[in-house]
């Protein structure tokens, strides 16, 4: 996976509306595993990754899971 900008959610930011081609994906990093799956997609044509905090509310949004 190439590097890309990432957004970490927090209080009041548990969803990422407007993300094109959204897909959940578990990733590995040289610094260890993230706390959960990332929501990958595009924003205005640029790739972005979103890590919702807390995880549960955003993960139930019905977006497909990518391998």
Protein backbone atom coordinates (compact mmCIF):
# COMPACT_ATOMS: atom_id res chain seq x y z
CA UNK A 1 0.00 0.00 0.00
CA UNK A 2 1.31 3.46 -0.85
CA UNK A 3 1.42 6.19 1.74
CA UNK A 4 -1.49 8.64 1.79
CA UNK A 5 -2.94 11.30 4.07
CA UNK A 6 -4.76 9.88 7.08
CA UNK A 7 -7.45 11.31 9.31
CA UNK A 8 -8.02 10.08 12.85
CA UNK A 9 -11.53 10.63 14.13
CA UNK A 10 -12.35 11.61 17.67
CA UNK A 11 -15.14 13.14 19.68
CA UNK A 12 -17.81 14.11 17.18
CA UNK A 13 -15.96 12.64 14.18
CA UNK A 14 -16.96 9.00 13.86
CA UNK A 15 -18.04 9.09 10.19
CA UNK A 16 -16.51 10.36 6.99
CA UNK A 17 -19.27 11.53 4.66
CA UNK A 18 -18.31 12.38 1.08
CA UNK A 19 -15.66 9.69 0.76
CA UNK A 20 -15.76 8.16 -2.74
CA UNK A 21 -15.28 4.41 -3.26
CA UNK A 22 -15.18 3.69 0.49
CA UNK A 23 -13.93 0.28 1.63
CA UNK A 24 -12.84 -1.05 5.04
CA UNK A 25 -9.42 -2.65 5.12
CA UNK A 26 -7.16 -4.10 7.79
CA UNK A 27 -3.58 -2.92 7.27
CA UNK A 28 -0.19 -3.67 8.77
CA UNK A 29 2.38 -0.94 9.36
CA UNK A 30 6.06 -0.93 10.32
CA UNK A 31 4.94 0.65 13.63
CA UNK A 32 2.40 -2.03 14.53
CA UNK A 33 -1.25 -2.65 13.76
CA UNK A 34 -3.75 0.22 13.97
CA UNK A 35 -6.47 -0.04 16.61
CA UNK A 36 -8.95 -1.16 13.95
CA UNK A 37 -9.71 -1.32 10.26
CA UNK A 38 -9.15 1.80 8.16
CA UNK A 39 -11.79 3.27 5.89
CA UNK A 40 -10.01 3.88 2.59
CA UNK A 41 -11.35 5.92 -0.29
CA UNK A 42 -10.88 9.08 -2.30
CA UNK A 43 -11.64 12.69 -1.49
CA UNK A 44 -11.72 14.95 -4.54
CA UNK A 45 -9.77 12.27 -6.43
CA UNK A 46 -6.98 11.95 -3.84
CA UNK A 47 -6.56 8.75 -1.78
CA UNK A 48 -7.18 9.09 1.97
CA UNK A 49 -7.43 6.79 4.98
CA UNK A 50 -9.76 7.34 7.92
CA UNK A 51 -9.44 5.71 11.33
CA UNK A 52 -12.66 6.34 13.28
CA UNK A 53 -12.47 6.76 17.06
CA UNK A 54 -14.41 5.22 18.64
CA UNK A 55 -14.53 2.36 16.14
CA UNK A 56 -17.98 0.81 16.59
CA UNK A 57 -20.40 3.54 15.34
CA UNK A 58 -18.62 4.10 12.03
CA UNK A 59 -17.94 0.41 11.32
CA UNK A 60 -21.66 -0.37 11.22
CA UNK A 61 -22.32 2.01 8.31
CA UNK A 62 -22.81 -0.79 5.76
CA UNK A 63 -19.70 0.04 3.70
CA UNK A 64 -18.16 -3.03 2.08
CA UNK A 65 -15.00 -4.64 3.43
CA UNK A 66 -12.06 -4.88 1.03
CA UNK A 67 -9.28 -7.50 1.18
